[in-house]
Amino acid sequence: MRVVIQRVSEASVSIDGKVKSSINNGYVLLLGVSTEDDNMDADWLVNKILNLRIFSDESGMMNKSIIDVDGSVLVISQFTLYAKTKKGNRPSFIKAAKPDVAIPLYEYFVRRMEEGIGHEVGTGVFGADMKVSLVNDGPVTITIDTKNKE
């Protein structure tokens, strides 16, 4: 699994001009699922994200987690995180999981994230044409790939 984490002061996702989900202080997670991923990857990634200390403490140091600040989370499916661009100019998405694999793992990830933060997580709609709006706080943007744990 690959994720782009953006620390935000606000964010929303709209589909067909209607807001599906919105959050304030927290994370927008752009989540890609590969053909090689499983629940263990999702569990590892959720744990890493929940404990990542990228919110400011009283001294202005990035020392607090999403749990510490009681932050919100918006998870957006993003198969394009697995774009291969080595050859030619048209990206290949051969490593991105097909919906029959990706949707259950995406939903599992969302459930585990909800358990971890103790409240509902905002989402888009898997496979929909979504418009994501956000105010990146910092800006802070971090990428994590479960295949690069070392």
N, C-alpha and C. Protein backbone atom coordinates (compact mmCIF):
# COMPACT_ATOMS: atom_id res chain seq x y z
N MET A 1 0.85 -1.17 0.00
CA MET A 1 0.00 0.00 0.00
C MET A 1 0.90 1.24 0.00
N ARG A 2 0.40 2.23 -0.66
CA ARG A 2 1.09 3.53 -0.66
C ARG A 2 0.11 4.57 -0.18
N VAL A 3 0.64 5.52 0.58
CA VAL A 3 -0.21 6.60 1.06
C VAL A 3 0.55 7.91 0.96
N VAL A 4 -0.18 8.94 0.58
CA VAL A 4 0.30 10.30 0.68
C VAL A 4 -0.50 10.92 1.82
N ILE A 5 0.22 11.37 2.84
CA ILE A 5 -0.40 11.97 4.02
C ILE A 5 -0.24 13.47 3.91
N GLN A 6 -1.33 14.19 3.97
CA GLN A 6 -1.27 15.64 3.98
C GLN A 6 -1.92 16.13 5.27
N ARG A 7 -1.14 16.86 6.06
CA ARG A 7 -1.69 17.48 7.26
C ARG A 7 -2.49 18.69 6.81
N VAL A 8 -3.75 18.75 7.23
CA VAL A 8 -4.64 19.80 6.73
C VAL A 8 -5.34 20.54 7.88
N SER A 9 -5.70 21.77 7.60
CA SER A 9 -6.56 22.51 8.53
C SER A 9 -8.02 22.35 8.14
N GLU A 10 -8.27 22.00 6.88
CA GLU A 10 -9.61 21.66 6.41
C GLU A 10 -9.50 20.94 5.08
N ALA A 11 -10.50 20.11 4.78
CA ALA A 11 -10.51 19.38 3.51
C ALA A 11 -11.91 18.84 3.25
N SER A 12 -12.19 18.61 1.97
CA SER A 12 -13.47 18.01 1.59
C SER A 12 -13.30 17.26 0.28
N VAL A 13 -14.22 16.35 0.05
CA VAL A 13 -14.27 15.63 -1.22
C VAL A 13 -15.70 15.75 -1.75
N SER A 14 -15.79 16.11 -3.03
CA SER A 14 -17.10 16.28 -3.67
C SER A 14 -17.21 15.34 -4.86
N ILE A 15 -18.44 14.89 -5.08
CA ILE A 15 -18.75 14.02 -6.22
C ILE A 15 -19.99 14.61 -6.88
N ASP A 16 -19.90 14.85 -8.18
CA ASP A 16 -21.00 15.47 -8.93
C ASP A 16 -21.48 16.77 -8.27
N GLY A 17 -20.54 17.56 -7.77
CA GLY A 17 -20.87 18.85 -7.20
C GLY A 17 -21.42 18.83 -5.79
N LYS A 18 -21.52 17.66 -5.18
CA LYS A 18 -22.05 17.54 -3.82
C LYS A 18 -20.95 17.06 -2.88
N VAL A 19 -20.82 17.74 -1.73
CA VAL A 19 -19.81 17.34 -0.75
C VAL A 19 -20.19 16.00 -0.15
N LYS A 20 -19.29 15.03 -0.28
CA LYS A 20 -19.49 13.69 0.28
C LYS A 20 -19.00 13.65 1.72
N SER A 21 -17.80 14.24 1.97
CA SER A 21 -17.19 14.25 3.30
C SER A 21 -16.37 15.51 3.45
N SER A 22 -16.28 15.99 4.69
CA SER A 22 -15.40 17.12 4.98
C SER A 22 -14.86 16.97 6.38
N ILE A 23 -13.67 17.53 6.58
CA ILE A 23 -13.02 17.48 7.89
C ILE A 23 -12.38 18.83 8.19
N ASN A 24 -12.02 19.01 9.44
CA ASN A 24 -11.18 20.13 9.84
C ASN A 24 -9.80 19.57 10.17
N ASN A 25 -9.16 20.04 11.19
CA ASN A 25 -7.80 19.66 11.56
C ASN A 25 -7.57 18.15 11.49
N GLY A 26 -6.63 17.72 10.67
CA GLY A 26 -6.33 16.29 10.57
C GLY A 26 -5.52 15.93 9.36
N TYR A 27 -5.85 14.77 8.78
CA TYR A 27 -5.13 14.22 7.63
C TYR A 27 -6.06 14.00 6.45
N VAL A 28 -5.55 14.29 5.27
CA VAL A 28 -6.09 13.72 4.04
C VAL A 28 -5.13 12.61 3.67
N LEU A 29 -5.66 11.41 3.50
CA LEU A 29 -4.86 10.25 3.12
C LEU A 29 -5.26 9.82 1.72
N LEU A 30 -4.33 9.93 0.78
CA LEU A 30 -4.53 9.41 -0.56
C LEU A 30 -3.95 8.00 -0.54
N LEU A 31 -4.81 7.00 -0.69
CA LEU A 31 -4.41 5.60 -0.46
C LEU A 31 -4.47 4.79 -1.74
N GLY A 32 -3.32 4.18 -2.08
CA GLY A 32 -3.25 3.28 -3.22
C GLY A 32 -3.03 1.86 -2.75
N VAL A 33 -3.69 0.93 -3.41
CA VAL A 33 -3.58 -0.50 -3.08
C VAL A 33 -2.97 -1.21 -4.28
N SER A 34 -1.93 -2.02 -4.01
CA SER A 34 -1.27 -2.76 -5.09
C SER A 34 -1.76 -4.21 -5.12
N THR A 35 -1.35 -4.89 -6.17
CA THR A 35 -1.70 -6.31 -6.34
C THR A 35 -1.07 -7.18 -5.27
N GLU A 36 -0.03 -6.70 -4.59
CA GLU A 36 0.70 -7.48 -3.59
C GLU A 36 0.25 -7.22 -2.16
N ASP A 37 -0.71 -6.34 -1.94
CA ASP A 37 -1.09 -5.94 -0.59
C ASP A 37 -2.11 -6.88 0.05
N ASP A 38 -2.08 -6.88 1.39
CA ASP A 38 -3.04 -7.66 2.16
C ASP A 38 -3.36 -6.93 3.47
N ASN A 39 -4.17 -7.57 4.33
CA ASN A 39 -4.57 -6.95 5.59
C ASN A 39 -3.38 -6.60 6.49
N MET A 40 -2.31 -7.38 6.41
CA MET A 40 -1.13 -7.08 7.23
C MET A 40 -0.50 -5.75 6.82
N ASP A 41 -0.52 -5.47 5.52
CA ASP A 41 -0.02 -4.17 5.05
C ASP A 41 -0.90 -3.04 5.59
N ALA A 42 -2.21 -3.24 5.53
CA ALA A 42 -3.14 -2.22 6.03
C ALA A 42 -2.94 -1.99 7.52
N ASP A 43 -2.82 -3.06 8.30
CA ASP A 43 -2.61 -2.94 9.74
C ASP A 43 -1.33 -2.18 10.06
N TRP A 44 -0.24 -2.53 9.38
CA TRP A 44 1.03 -1.86 9.60
C TRP A 44 0.92 -0.37 9.28
N LEU A 45 0.27 -0.07 8.14
CA LEU A 45 0.16 1.31 7.69
C LEU A 45 -0.72 2.14 8.63
N VAL A 46 -1.84 1.59 9.06
CA VAL A 46 -2.71 2.30 10.00
C VAL A 46 -1.94 2.62 11.28
N ASN A 47 -1.23 1.63 11.81
CA ASN A 47 -0.45 1.85 13.04
C ASN A 47 0.59 2.95 12.84
N LYS A 48 1.27 2.92 11.72
CA LYS A 48 2.29 3.93 11.43
C LYS A 48 1.66 5.33 11.36
N ILE A 49 0.54 5.45 10.66
CA ILE A 49 -0.11 6.75 10.50
C ILE A 49 -0.65 7.26 11.83
N LEU A 50 -1.27 6.39 12.61
CA LEU A 50 -1.83 6.80 13.90
C LEU A 50 -0.76 7.32 14.85
N ASN A 51 0.43 6.78 14.76
CA ASN A 51 1.50 7.15 15.69
C ASN A 51 2.50 8.16 15.13
N LEU A 52 2.33 8.54 13.88
CA LEU A 52 3.21 9.52 13.26
C LEU A 52 3.06 10.86 13.97
N ARG A 53 4.16 11.42 14.43
CA ARG A 53 4.11 12.67 15.21
C ARG A 53 4.46 13.85 14.30
N ILE A 54 3.42 14.39 13.66
CA ILE A 54 3.65 15.52 12.75
C ILE A 54 2.75 16.72 13.05
N PHE A 55 2.13 16.72 14.23
CA PHE A 55 1.38 17.89 14.69
C PHE A 55 2.22 18.61 15.74
N SER A 56 2.10 19.91 15.77
CA SER A 56 2.92 20.72 16.67
C SER A 56 2.49 20.60 18.12
N ASP A 57 3.49 20.57 19.00
CA ASP A 57 3.22 20.63 20.44
C ASP A 57 3.23 22.10 20.87
N GLU A 58 3.22 22.32 22.18
CA GLU A 58 3.17 23.67 22.72
C GLU A 58 4.41 24.49 22.37
N SER A 59 5.52 23.82 22.06
CA SER A 59 6.77 24.50 21.70
C SER A 59 6.90 24.70 20.19
N GLY A 60 5.90 24.27 19.44
CA GLY A 60 5.97 24.40 17.99
C GLY A 60 6.73 23.28 17.30
N MET A 61 7.11 22.26 18.05
CA MET A 61 7.83 21.11 17.49
C MET A 61 6.81 20.05 17.03
N MET A 62 7.11 19.39 15.91
CA MET A 62 6.24 18.29 15.46
C MET A 62 6.44 17.12 16.40
N ASN A 63 5.55 17.00 17.36
CA ASN A 63 5.72 16.03 18.43
C ASN A 63 4.42 15.35 18.83
N LYS A 64 3.31 15.65 18.14
CA LYS A 64 2.02 15.07 18.51
C LYS A 64 1.45 14.26 17.34
N SER A 65 0.71 13.22 17.70
CA SER A 65 0.08 12.35 16.70
C SER A 65 -1.35 12.81 16.43
N ILE A 66 -1.96 12.21 15.45
CA ILE A 66 -3.37 12.48 15.12
C ILE A 66 -4.26 12.16 16.32
N ILE A 67 -3.88 11.14 17.09
CA ILE A 67 -4.64 10.77 18.29
C ILE A 67 -4.49 11.85 19.36
N ASP A 68 -3.26 12.34 19.54
CA ASP A 68 -2.99 13.37 20.55
C ASP A 68 -3.81 14.64 20.32
N VAL A 69 -4.04 14.99 19.05
CA VAL A 69 -4.76 16.23 18.74
C VAL A 69 -6.23 15.99 18.44
N ASP A 70 -6.69 14.73 18.62
CA ASP A 70 -8.08 14.36 18.33
C ASP A 70 -8.46 14.83 16.93
N GLY A 71 -7.57 14.53 15.98
CA GLY A 71 -7.77 14.99 14.61
C GLY A 71 -8.74 14.13 13.82
N SER A 72 -9.11 14.65 12.68
CA SER A 72 -10.01 13.96 11.75
C SER A 72 -9.22 13.38 10.59
N VAL A 73 -9.82 12.43 9.89
CA VAL A 73 -9.16 11.78 8.76
C VAL A 73 -10.13 11.68 7.60
N LEU A 74 -9.63 11.98 6.41
CA LEU A 74 -10.36 11.82 5.17
C LEU A 74 -9.52 10.90 4.29
N VAL A 75 -10.07 9.73 3.91
CA VAL A 75 -9.34 8.74 3.10
C VAL A 75 -9.92 8.73 1.70
N ILE A 76 -9.04 8.92 0.72
CA ILE A 76 -9.44 8.94 -0.68
C ILE A 76 -8.69 7.84 -1.42
N SER A 77 -9.41 6.97 -2.12
CA SER A 77 -8.76 5.94 -2.92
C SER A 77 -8.02 6.60 -4.08
N GLN A 78 -6.81 6.09 -4.37
CA GLN A 78 -5.95 6.76 -5.35
C GLN A 78 -5.08 5.73 -6.08
N PHE A 79 -5.67 5.01 -7.03
CA PHE A 79 -4.92 3.97 -7.74
C PHE A 79 -3.73 4.55 -8.51
N THR A 80 -3.78 5.84 -8.84
CA THR A 80 -2.70 6.44 -9.63
C THR A 80 -1.39 6.53 -8.86
N LEU A 81 -1.40 6.25 -7.56
CA LEU A 81 -0.15 6.20 -6.80
C LEU A 81 0.75 5.06 -7.28
N TYR A 82 0.17 4.12 -8.02
CA TYR A 82 0.95 3.00 -8.57
C TYR A 82 1.27 3.19 -10.06
N ALA A 83 1.26 4.42 -10.53
CA ALA A 83 1.62 4.69 -11.92
C ALA A 83 3.08 4.34 -12.17
N LYS A 84 3.30 3.61 -13.24
CA LYS A 84 4.66 3.34 -13.71
C LYS A 84 4.89 4.26 -14.91
N THR A 85 5.97 5.04 -14.84
CA THR A 85 6.22 6.02 -15.89
C THR A 85 7.58 5.82 -16.57
N LYS A 86 8.16 4.65 -16.37
CA LYS A 86 9.51 4.40 -16.89
C LYS A 86 9.56 4.45 -18.41
N LYS A 87 8.58 3.85 -19.06
CA LYS A 87 8.58 3.79 -20.52
C LYS A 87 7.47 4.68 -21.07
N GLY A 88 7.80 5.43 -22.09
CA GLY A 88 6.80 6.23 -22.78
C GLY A 88 6.23 7.35 -21.92
N ASN A 89 5.12 7.90 -22.39
CA ASN A 89 4.50 9.04 -21.72
C ASN A 89 3.13 8.73 -21.14
N ARG A 90 2.62 7.54 -21.40
CA ARG A 90 1.33 7.16 -20.83
C ARG A 90 1.61 6.24 -19.64
N PRO A 91 1.17 6.63 -18.44
CA PRO A 91 1.43 5.79 -17.26
C PRO A 91 0.76 4.42 -17.38
N SER A 92 1.42 3.44 -16.82
CA SER A 92 0.86 2.09 -16.70
C SER A 92 0.44 1.90 -15.25
N PHE A 93 -0.69 1.28 -15.05
CA PHE A 93 -1.20 1.05 -13.69
C PHE A 93 -1.29 -0.45 -13.38
N ILE A 94 -0.40 -1.23 -14.00
CA ILE A 94 -0.43 -2.69 -13.87
C ILE A 94 -0.25 -3.16 -12.42
N LYS A 95 0.45 -2.39 -11.60
CA LYS A 95 0.69 -2.77 -10.20
C LYS A 95 -0.47 -2.40 -9.28
N ALA A 96 -1.39 -1.56 -9.75
CA ALA A 96 -2.55 -1.18 -8.94
C ALA A 96 -3.53 -2.35 -8.90
N ALA A 97 -4.03 -2.62 -7.71
CA ALA A 97 -4.98 -3.73 -7.54
C ALA A 97 -6.29 -3.41 -8.25
N LYS A 98 -6.90 -4.45 -8.81
CA LYS A 98 -8.22 -4.32 -9.43
C LYS A 98 -9.26 -4.13 -8.32
N PRO A 99 -10.42 -3.59 -8.65
CA PRO A 99 -11.44 -3.31 -7.63
C PRO A 99 -11.82 -4.49 -6.73
N ASP A 100 -11.83 -5.71 -7.27
CA ASP A 100 -12.23 -6.86 -6.44
C ASP A 100 -11.25 -7.11 -5.29
N VAL A 101 -10.01 -6.67 -5.43
CA VAL A 101 -9.01 -6.76 -4.37
C VAL A 101 -8.91 -5.44 -3.61
N ALA A 102 -8.89 -4.34 -4.36
CA ALA A 102 -8.64 -3.02 -3.77
C ALA A 102 -9.78 -2.55 -2.86
N ILE A 103 -11.02 -2.76 -3.26
CA ILE A 103 -12.15 -2.24 -2.46
C ILE A 103 -12.19 -2.87 -1.07
N PRO A 104 -12.12 -4.21 -0.94
CA PRO A 104 -12.12 -4.77 0.42
C PRO A 104 -10.95 -4.30 1.27
N LEU A 105 -9.77 -4.14 0.68
CA LEU A 105 -8.62 -3.65 1.45
C LEU A 105 -8.78 -2.19 1.83
N TYR A 106 -9.31 -1.38 0.93
CA TYR A 106 -9.59 0.03 1.22
C TYR A 106 -10.60 0.13 2.37
N GLU A 107 -11.66 -0.65 2.30
CA GLU A 107 -12.68 -0.63 3.36
C GLU A 107 -12.12 -1.13 4.69
N TYR A 108 -11.28 -2.15 4.64
CA TYR A 108 -10.63 -2.66 5.84
C TYR A 108 -9.75 -1.57 6.45
N PHE A 109 -8.97 -0.89 5.62
CA PHE A 109 -8.11 0.20 6.08
C PHE A 109 -8.94 1.28 6.78
N VAL A 110 -10.04 1.67 6.17
CA VAL A 110 -10.91 2.70 6.75
C VAL A 110 -11.45 2.25 8.11
N ARG A 111 -11.92 1.00 8.21
CA ARG A 111 -12.43 0.48 9.49
C ARG A 111 -11.36 0.49 10.56
N ARG A 112 -10.16 0.06 10.21
CA ARG A 112 -9.04 0.03 11.18
C ARG A 112 -8.66 1.46 11.60
N MET A 113 -8.70 2.40 10.67
CA MET A 113 -8.41 3.79 10.99
C MET A 113 -9.48 4.34 11.95
N GLU A 114 -10.74 4.01 11.71
CA GLU A 114 -11.83 4.45 12.59
C GLU A 114 -11.65 3.88 14.00
N GLU A 115 -11.28 2.62 14.08
CA GLU A 115 -11.01 2.01 15.39
C GLU A 115 -9.87 2.74 16.09
N GLY A 116 -8.86 3.10 15.35
CA GLY A 116 -7.67 3.74 15.92
C GLY A 116 -7.91 5.15 16.42
N ILE A 117 -8.70 5.94 15.68
CA ILE A 117 -8.92 7.32 16.11
C ILE A 117 -10.18 7.47 16.96
N GLY A 118 -10.99 6.43 16.97
CA GLY A 118 -12.16 6.44 17.86
C GLY A 118 -13.36 7.20 17.33
N HIS A 119 -13.36 7.54 16.05
CA HIS A 119 -14.54 8.16 15.46
C HIS A 119 -14.54 7.93 13.95
N GLU A 120 -15.63 8.33 13.32
CA GLU A 120 -15.81 8.08 11.90
C GLU A 120 -14.74 8.77 11.07
N VAL A 121 -14.38 8.10 9.99
CA VAL A 121 -13.43 8.61 9.02
C VAL A 121 -14.20 9.02 7.78
N GLY A 122 -13.88 10.20 7.23
CA GLY A 122 -14.50 10.62 5.98
C GLY A 122 -13.89 9.86 4.82
N THR A 123 -14.70 9.63 3.79
CA THR A 123 -14.22 8.92 2.60
C THR A 123 -14.81 9.55 1.35
N GLY A 124 -14.22 9.17 0.25
CA GLY A 124 -14.81 9.46 -1.04
C GLY A 124 -15.61 8.23 -1.45
N VAL A 125 -15.72 8.02 -2.75
CA VAL A 125 -16.38 6.82 -3.28
C VAL A 125 -15.38 6.15 -4.20
N PHE A 126 -15.06 4.90 -3.91
CA PHE A 126 -14.05 4.17 -4.67
C PHE A 126 -14.41 4.21 -6.16
N GLY A 127 -13.46 4.64 -6.98
CA GLY A 127 -13.62 4.65 -8.42
C GLY A 127 -14.39 5.84 -8.99
N ALA A 128 -14.91 6.71 -8.13
CA ALA A 128 -15.68 7.86 -8.61
C ALA A 128 -14.74 8.97 -9.06
N ASP A 129 -15.27 9.87 -9.89
CA ASP A 129 -14.55 11.08 -10.26
C ASP A 129 -14.77 12.08 -9.12
N MET A 130 -13.73 12.28 -8.32
CA MET A 130 -13.84 13.09 -7.11
C MET A 130 -13.05 14.38 -7.25
N LYS A 131 -13.54 15.40 -6.59
CA LYS A 131 -12.83 16.67 -6.48
C LYS A 131 -12.45 16.84 -5.01
N VAL A 132 -11.15 16.88 -4.75
CA VAL A 132 -10.65 17.00 -3.38
C VAL A 132 -10.13 18.42 -3.19
N SER A 133 -10.66 19.08 -2.16
CA SER A 133 -10.20 20.42 -1.81
C SER A 133 -9.55 20.34 -0.44
N LEU A 134 -8.43 21.04 -0.27
CA LEU A 134 -7.78 21.00 1.03
C LEU A 134 -6.91 22.22 1.24
N VAL A 135 -6.69 22.50 2.51
CA VAL A 135 -5.72 23.50 2.91
C VAL A 135 -4.62 22.74 3.63
N ASN A 136 -3.49 22.57 2.95
CA ASN A 136 -2.36 21.83 3.49
C ASN A 136 -1.72 22.69 4.57
N ASP A 137 -1.66 22.17 5.78
CA ASP A 137 -1.17 22.90 6.94
C ASP A 137 0.33 22.69 7.08
N GLY A 138 1.10 23.72 6.84
CA GLY A 138 2.55 23.63 7.01
C GLY A 138 3.31 24.24 5.85
N PRO A 139 3.31 23.67 4.68
CA PRO A 139 2.67 22.41 4.31
C PRO A 139 3.45 21.20 4.82
N VAL A 140 2.71 20.17 5.19
CA VAL A 140 3.30 18.90 5.60
C VAL A 140 2.70 17.82 4.71
N THR A 141 3.55 17.16 3.94
CA THR A 141 3.14 16.07 3.06
C THR A 141 4.19 14.97 3.18
N ILE A 142 3.72 13.76 3.49
CA ILE A 142 4.62 12.61 3.71
C ILE A 142 4.08 11.42 2.92
N THR A 143 4.99 10.66 2.32
CA THR A 143 4.60 9.43 1.63
C THR A 143 5.14 8.22 2.38
N ILE A 144 4.36 7.16 2.39
CA ILE A 144 4.78 5.90 3.01
C ILE A 144 4.37 4.77 2.07
N ASP A 145 5.26 3.80 1.92
CA ASP A 145 4.99 2.60 1.12
C ASP A 145 5.25 1.40 2.01
N THR A 146 4.28 0.51 2.13
CA THR A 146 4.43 -0.65 3.01
C THR A 146 5.50 -1.62 2.51
N LYS A 147 5.92 -1.50 1.29
CA LYS A 147 6.97 -2.37 0.76
C LYS A 147 8.36 -1.81 1.08
N ASN A 148 8.42 -0.64 1.70
CA ASN A 148 9.70 -0.02 2.10
C ASN A 148 9.69 0.23 3.60
N LYS A 149 9.50 -0.80 4.37
CA LYS A 149 9.40 -0.66 5.84
C LYS A 149 10.75 -0.48 6.51
N GLU A 150 11.79 -0.87 5.86
CA GLU A 150 13.12 -0.82 6.48
C GLU A 150 13.64 0.60 6.53
